[in-house]
Amino acid sequence: MHKFEVWAPRAQKVSVQVEGVFHPMQRAAEKNRLGWWEATVEDAGPGSDYGFSLDDGDVLPDPRSPAQPYGVNGLSRLVNHDEFKWTDGHWQARPLSSAIIYELHIGTFSPEGTFAGAMQKLDHLVSLGVTHLELMPVNEFAGDWGWGYDGVDLFAPQHSYGTPDDLKRLVDACHKKNLAVLLDVVYNHLGPAGNYLNDFGPYFTDAYHTPWGSAVNLDDKGSYEARRFFADNALMWLRDYHFDGLRLDAVHAFEDHSAEHFLEQLASEVEALEAQLGRHFVLIAESDLNDPRVIKSRDAGGFGIDAQWSDDLHHALHSVLTGEQEGYYEDFGTLEQLATALQDAYVYKGDYSEHRQRRHGRRPAVEISGHRFLAYSQNHDQVGNRATGERLAHLVDTGRQKIAAAIVLTSPFIPMLFQGEEFSASSPFQYFTNHNKELGANISEGRRKEFAAFGWKPEDVPDPQDSETFCRSKLNWNEVSQGAHAEMLAWYKRLIELRKRTGALTDGHLDEVEANYSDESSWLVMKRRRVEVVCNLGEPCQEIPVQTSAREVICSAENWKLDKESMQLPADAVAILVE
């Protein structure tokens, strides 16, 4: 027996089809459930396939479908989350402040490209020193491969990755190995293929324009149930799949002028679930606003999100290392900006942005802990949204890659790595999709036109619809023990081990970060109490002033020399001095 429920306020008639048989649904009687329809079907249960028909129309998948074994256009399948036998009853995630986060994409992380395949690589991550995995979106999206940011069935794990139980086994296995698991969720838009939400109700509004069309309805008529849809989805991942936190995609794209912003509502409800279950949860936002309100506590008038990605640090570091000045990198490129990012997190705090042609950001009223920001030299966006998906390893030499790793892993922020960077993976991470022929052709053409404006020849831009684009983005695990790849892996392991045993590096107090630099000579020194990070991005073997009397020196190159007040360091090298 199962009670089916669906929100369809505009329909005059709703029925549920279960295993080929239609059952009429009735309007819910409760006043607080306006627009809801319900029906109890005696012979329905876990494993039953079903869908809803509105006003005698086609059978559509459930907006809250727990599984889509036939893809985004197929029937939904019932799942009983209580049947899974968890073994993590005493699990508790480490504090985010002590995290080493590793972002991965299920489809390209392992040869199998599945939840089960990812389980086979967990020992590598444990050996590396990772504490938290961050999975790119795993909710159902169109086709058998994709990034997951065009998902449409937000409550259902992607069928090509495995079953709902396979995802639970992955999370359970991670917890056994003392790895927390975060999930990337997308609430600012849905994909174009298989998106039936608007057939059911006002999940979107034309009151605002977004890059994806109509905005998600967070403050217009019918927004109460639309907000519930997204909030309930977040709670489901934490409660039923035992995720330890969520990464919220592009929250700057939310259009919400309610007295209680959706982010504030979500933070409050997650806090309530945390108290109910006795487990620690975290919320991490991707925000392009440079607005401290996102990560300020609700008591102080903020939204109460635990941390946010730090694109200013990435852009400042990337532009210095590569010399790139195209697109949003035109706002960066100096060591002064990199020093500012390391000391303040935000580079733009109400300053004029040439790229945006307006002032951008806001200065925090009080100092914010570095633990509120994630630091990274690479992530899926910054690699995958390049025309050919080049990693940092394709753009700079080994020395500069090691500098990037050292700055991220000794910064006052929470470090995050992108899959494969720890062994300087040779495979790119390109944009790939598996849509139907017509939509796929439009996406391929749009991708070529987008990069043609930046000077790329259309024939040089990989076709997102070509299966080879997906296949070449898979990690080559044979590289891990080979030559320069093994050398890079040893470097990352050493830096992570140093961070974990050195209190000065896990301290989030930004007022104790001192960054000195010379744009003319291209060197930068970051001092963090008893640790000094010395970077030479300029001439061979130049002398750089230091303050630390070191008992331990970790250097990416040979032929260095340390005197009382200076260090001679080869070009494209970094040294970490520990008192």
Foldseek 3Di string as FASTA:
>chain_A
DDKDKAAFQVFPWKWKAKPRDTDTWDADPDPVRHRMTIDDDDPDDAFIWMFMDGPNHDGAEGLQAQADLPALGGTGGDDDLVPADFDCLPFAADDLLLFAEEEEEQQFAAPLSALVRVLVCVVVVVLLPGAEYEYQAQATDGDLDFRNQQAANLNYGHNNRHHLSSLLVSCRSCRVSNHAYEYEDEDFHHHDPSHCVVNRHPQFDQPDQDPVGTTGDCADPPNVVSLVSVLVSQVCCCPSSVHQEYEYEAPVSHDHPDPQDSLLVSLVVVVVVCVVSVYHHAYEYAYPALECLQCDPVVVVRSNHPAYEQVQLLLQLQCCQQVDCPQQNVQYRFVVSNQCCLQQSDSQAQPARPNVRGRGHHHDPDHDFLARYEDENDECCVQAVDQLRDDVLVRHPPLSLLVRLLCRLQGLHHYYYYRPSQLSFPQGAYGADAHPDVVLVVVLVVSLVVCVVVVDHSVVRDRNNDVVNSVSNHTDVVSCPDDSSVVSNVSSSVSSVCCSVDPLRSGRDSVQWDKDADRVQAWIWIDRPQKIKTAGQHAAFDKAFDQHPAPDKDKPDPDKDDDNTIIGHGHSMMMMGGD
